Amino acid sequence: MFSTTPAMLLVGLLGISAQALADDSPTDQPVLTHKQKIQHCMAKQRATNSGMTAKDMRKACETELQSQESHPSKPVTPNNVPSDK
């Protein structure tokens, strides 16, 4: 019984340290709703294209979000042009 106690402590410490060193995955980030994505996009559009109407900004954001959903690995520039990165 005396020799199993250190082994149990070692197993417990390994389990705790594995959780402490676990990598934070991207799934820990909150998932945005479609409405929130549109709001974030429109805020970016407002900051970069102050002359655009709200209708044009919304249309550009809808296009951008649709493109991101179709091709999630291709980043889209604010001008709705897929960048070749």
N, C-alpha and C. Protein backbone atom coordinates (compact mmCIF):
# COMPACT_ATOMS: atom_id res chain seq x y z
N MET A 1 0.82 -1.18 0.00
CA MET A 1 0.00 0.00 0.00
C MET A 1 0.87 1.26 0.00
N PHE A 2 1.99 1.18 0.66
CA PHE A 2 2.88 2.33 0.73
C PHE A 2 3.46 2.70 -0.63
N SER A 3 3.69 1.73 -1.53
CA SER A 3 4.28 2.00 -2.83
C SER A 3 3.24 2.48 -3.85
N THR A 4 1.97 2.22 -3.61
CA THR A 4 0.95 2.67 -4.56
C THR A 4 0.59 4.14 -4.35
N THR A 5 0.82 4.70 -3.19
CA THR A 5 0.48 6.09 -2.93
C THR A 5 1.29 7.04 -3.81
N PRO A 6 2.61 6.89 -3.93
CA PRO A 6 3.35 7.78 -4.84
C PRO A 6 2.90 7.62 -6.29
N ALA A 7 2.55 6.40 -6.69
CA ALA A 7 2.10 6.18 -8.06
C ALA A 7 0.77 6.90 -8.32
N MET A 8 -0.13 6.86 -7.35
CA MET A 8 -1.42 7.53 -7.50
C MET A 8 -1.22 9.05 -7.52
N LEU A 9 -0.32 9.55 -6.71
CA LEU A 9 -0.03 10.98 -6.72
C LEU A 9 0.55 11.42 -8.06
N LEU A 10 1.43 10.60 -8.62
CA LEU A 10 2.04 10.91 -9.91
C LEU A 10 0.98 10.95 -11.01
N VAL A 11 0.07 9.98 -10.99
CA VAL A 11 -1.01 9.96 -11.99
C VAL A 11 -1.90 11.20 -11.84
N GLY A 12 -2.21 11.58 -10.62
CA GLY A 12 -3.03 12.77 -10.38
C GLY A 12 -2.35 14.03 -10.86
N LEU A 13 -1.06 14.15 -10.58
CA LEU A 13 -0.31 15.33 -11.03
C LEU A 13 -0.21 15.39 -12.55
N LEU A 14 -0.04 14.25 -13.19
CA LEU A 14 0.01 14.23 -14.65
C LEU A 14 -1.32 14.67 -15.25
N GLY A 15 -2.41 14.22 -14.65
CA GLY A 15 -3.74 14.61 -15.14
C GLY A 15 -3.98 16.09 -14.99
N ILE A 16 -3.59 16.66 -13.87
CA ILE A 16 -3.77 18.09 -13.64
C ILE A 16 -2.88 18.91 -14.56
N SER A 17 -1.63 18.49 -14.72
CA SER A 17 -0.71 19.26 -15.57
C SER A 17 -1.12 19.18 -17.03
N ALA A 18 -1.70 18.07 -17.46
CA ALA A 18 -2.15 17.96 -18.84
C ALA A 18 -3.26 18.96 -19.12
N GLN A 19 -4.16 19.16 -18.18
CA GLN A 19 -5.24 20.13 -18.36
C GLN A 19 -4.68 21.55 -18.34
N ALA A 20 -3.71 21.79 -17.49
CA ALA A 20 -3.14 23.13 -17.38
C ALA A 20 -2.37 23.51 -18.64
N LEU A 21 -1.77 22.54 -19.29
CA LEU A 21 -0.98 22.81 -20.49
C LEU A 21 -1.78 22.64 -21.77
N ALA A 22 -3.05 22.34 -21.67
CA ALA A 22 -3.87 22.11 -22.85
C ALA A 22 -3.92 23.37 -23.71
N ASP A 23 -3.91 23.16 -24.99
CA ASP A 23 -3.93 24.26 -25.95
C ASP A 23 -5.33 24.84 -26.03
N ASP A 24 -5.44 26.16 -26.02
CA ASP A 24 -6.75 26.79 -26.19
C ASP A 24 -7.13 26.70 -27.66
N SER A 25 -8.17 26.00 -27.94
CA SER A 25 -8.57 25.80 -29.32
C SER A 25 -9.46 26.95 -29.78
N PRO A 26 -9.56 27.15 -31.08
CA PRO A 26 -10.43 28.21 -31.60
C PRO A 26 -11.89 27.99 -31.27
N THR A 27 -12.28 26.80 -30.89
CA THR A 27 -13.68 26.54 -30.56
C THR A 27 -14.07 27.19 -29.24
N ASP A 28 -13.06 27.66 -28.47
CA ASP A 28 -13.37 28.36 -27.23
C ASP A 28 -13.91 29.76 -27.48
N GLN A 29 -13.75 30.25 -28.70
CA GLN A 29 -14.23 31.58 -29.03
C GLN A 29 -15.75 31.54 -29.18
N PRO A 30 -16.42 32.61 -28.78
CA PRO A 30 -17.88 32.62 -28.90
C PRO A 30 -18.31 32.61 -30.36
N VAL A 31 -19.39 31.93 -30.64
CA VAL A 31 -19.91 31.87 -31.99
C VAL A 31 -20.84 33.06 -32.19
N LEU A 32 -20.59 33.82 -33.24
CA LEU A 32 -21.41 35.00 -33.52
C LEU A 32 -22.62 34.60 -34.36
N THR A 33 -23.74 35.25 -34.08
CA THR A 33 -24.93 35.04 -34.89
C THR A 33 -24.77 35.81 -36.20
N HIS A 34 -25.64 35.54 -37.15
CA HIS A 34 -25.58 36.23 -38.44
C HIS A 34 -25.74 37.74 -38.24
N LYS A 35 -26.66 38.11 -37.36
CA LYS A 35 -26.90 39.53 -37.09
C LYS A 35 -25.65 40.20 -36.52
N GLN A 36 -24.96 39.51 -35.59
CA GLN A 36 -23.74 40.07 -35.00
C GLN A 36 -22.64 40.20 -36.04
N LYS A 37 -22.53 39.21 -36.94
CA LYS A 37 -21.53 39.28 -38.00
C LYS A 37 -21.80 40.48 -38.91
N ILE A 38 -23.07 40.69 -39.24
CA ILE A 38 -23.44 41.84 -40.07
C ILE A 38 -23.09 43.14 -39.36
N GLN A 39 -23.38 43.23 -38.07
CA GLN A 39 -23.08 44.45 -37.31
C GLN A 39 -21.59 44.73 -37.28
N HIS A 40 -20.77 43.69 -37.07
CA HIS A 40 -19.32 43.87 -37.06
C HIS A 40 -18.82 44.32 -38.44
N CYS A 41 -19.35 43.67 -39.46
CA CYS A 41 -18.95 44.01 -40.82
C CYS A 41 -19.33 45.45 -41.17
N MET A 42 -20.54 45.84 -40.80
CA MET A 42 -20.99 47.20 -41.10
C MET A 42 -20.16 48.24 -40.35
N ALA A 43 -19.74 47.91 -39.15
CA ALA A 43 -18.88 48.83 -38.39
C ALA A 43 -17.54 49.00 -39.11
N LYS A 44 -17.01 47.91 -39.65
CA LYS A 44 -15.76 47.99 -40.42
C LYS A 44 -15.97 48.81 -41.69
N GLN A 45 -17.10 48.55 -42.37
CA GLN A 45 -17.41 49.29 -43.60
C GLN A 45 -17.53 50.78 -43.31
N ARG A 46 -18.21 51.11 -42.21
CA ARG A 46 -18.39 52.51 -41.82
C ARG A 46 -17.04 53.18 -41.59
N ALA A 47 -16.13 52.45 -40.98
CA ALA A 47 -14.81 53.01 -40.66
C ALA A 47 -13.97 53.21 -41.92
N THR A 48 -14.11 52.33 -42.90
CA THR A 48 -13.28 52.44 -44.10
C THR A 48 -13.96 53.17 -45.26
N ASN A 49 -15.28 53.07 -45.36
CA ASN A 49 -16.02 53.67 -46.48
C ASN A 49 -17.12 54.57 -45.94
N SER A 50 -16.75 55.71 -45.45
CA SER A 50 -17.75 56.58 -44.82
C SER A 50 -18.78 57.13 -45.80
N GLY A 51 -18.49 57.09 -47.10
CA GLY A 51 -19.42 57.62 -48.09
C GLY A 51 -20.48 56.63 -48.53
N MET A 52 -20.39 55.38 -48.10
CA MET A 52 -21.37 54.37 -48.52
C MET A 52 -22.68 54.55 -47.76
N THR A 53 -23.77 54.24 -48.45
CA THR A 53 -25.07 54.26 -47.78
C THR A 53 -25.20 53.00 -46.94
N ALA A 54 -26.12 53.02 -45.99
CA ALA A 54 -26.34 51.86 -45.12
C ALA A 54 -26.79 50.66 -45.96
N LYS A 55 -27.59 50.92 -46.98
CA LYS A 55 -28.07 49.84 -47.85
C LYS A 55 -26.91 49.18 -48.59
N ASP A 56 -25.99 50.02 -49.12
CA ASP A 56 -24.84 49.49 -49.83
C ASP A 56 -23.90 48.73 -48.89
N MET A 57 -23.73 49.26 -47.66
CA MET A 57 -22.88 48.57 -46.69
C MET A 57 -23.46 47.21 -46.35
N ARG A 58 -24.77 47.16 -46.14
CA ARG A 58 -25.42 45.90 -45.79
C ARG A 58 -25.28 44.90 -46.92
N LYS A 59 -25.45 45.36 -48.15
CA LYS A 59 -25.33 44.48 -49.31
C LYS A 59 -23.90 43.95 -49.42
N ALA A 60 -22.91 44.82 -49.21
CA ALA A 60 -21.51 44.40 -49.25
C ALA A 60 -21.21 43.39 -48.16
N CYS A 61 -21.77 43.62 -46.98
CA CYS A 61 -21.54 42.69 -45.86
C CYS A 61 -22.21 41.35 -46.11
N GLU A 62 -23.40 41.37 -46.66
CA GLU A 62 -24.08 40.11 -46.97
C GLU A 62 -23.26 39.31 -47.97
N THR A 63 -22.72 39.99 -48.98
CA THR A 63 -21.89 39.33 -49.98
C THR A 63 -20.62 38.77 -49.35
N GLU A 64 -20.01 39.55 -48.47
CA GLU A 64 -18.79 39.12 -47.79
C GLU A 64 -19.05 37.89 -46.91
N LEU A 65 -20.13 37.93 -46.14
CA LEU A 65 -20.45 36.80 -45.27
C LEU A 65 -20.80 35.56 -46.08
N GLN A 66 -21.50 35.74 -47.18
CA GLN A 66 -21.85 34.61 -48.02
C GLN A 66 -20.58 34.01 -48.62
N SER A 67 -19.65 34.86 -49.01
CA SER A 67 -18.38 34.38 -49.56
C SER A 67 -17.57 33.63 -48.51
N GLN A 68 -17.57 34.14 -47.28
CA GLN A 68 -16.84 33.48 -46.21
C GLN A 68 -17.44 32.12 -45.88
N GLU A 69 -18.75 32.01 -45.97
CA GLU A 69 -19.41 30.73 -45.70
C GLU A 69 -19.13 29.74 -46.82
N SER A 70 -19.05 30.24 -48.06
CA SER A 70 -18.78 29.37 -49.20
C SER A 70 -17.32 28.93 -49.25
N HIS A 71 -16.42 29.85 -48.90
CA HIS A 71 -14.98 29.60 -48.97
C HIS A 71 -14.33 30.11 -47.69
N PRO A 72 -14.47 29.39 -46.57
CA PRO A 72 -13.97 29.89 -45.29
C PRO A 72 -12.46 30.09 -45.23
N SER A 73 -11.70 29.43 -46.10
CA SER A 73 -10.25 29.57 -46.04
C SER A 73 -9.75 30.77 -46.84
N LYS A 74 -10.60 31.37 -47.66
CA LYS A 74 -10.20 32.53 -48.46
C LYS A 74 -10.63 33.80 -47.76
N PRO A 75 -9.69 34.61 -47.27
CA PRO A 75 -10.08 35.89 -46.66
C PRO A 75 -10.61 36.85 -47.71
N VAL A 76 -11.54 37.69 -47.32
CA VAL A 76 -12.15 38.66 -48.23
C VAL A 76 -11.76 40.05 -47.77
N THR A 77 -11.34 40.87 -48.72
CA THR A 77 -10.97 42.24 -48.39
C THR A 77 -12.24 43.07 -48.22
N PRO A 78 -12.14 44.27 -47.65
CA PRO A 78 -13.34 45.10 -47.46
C PRO A 78 -14.04 45.46 -48.78
N ASN A 79 -13.33 45.38 -49.90
CA ASN A 79 -13.94 45.71 -51.20
C ASN A 79 -14.61 44.49 -51.83
N ASN A 80 -14.80 43.43 -51.03
CA ASN A 80 -15.45 42.19 -51.47
C ASN A 80 -14.66 41.46 -52.55
N VAL A 81 -13.34 41.64 -52.55
CA VAL A 81 -12.48 40.95 -53.48
C VAL A 81 -11.71 39.89 -52.70
N PRO A 82 -11.86 38.60 -53.06
CA PRO A 82 -11.09 37.58 -52.32
C PRO A 82 -9.60 37.80 -52.52
N SER A 83 -8.88 37.80 -51.42
CA SER A 83 -7.43 37.99 -51.51
C SER A 83 -6.78 36.64 -51.77
N ASP A 84 -5.67 36.65 -52.46
CA ASP A 84 -4.99 35.41 -52.82
C ASP A 84 -3.85 35.13 -51.87
N LYS A 85 -4.18 34.91 -50.61
CA LYS A 85 -3.14 34.62 -49.60
C LYS A 85 -3.04 33.15 -49.39
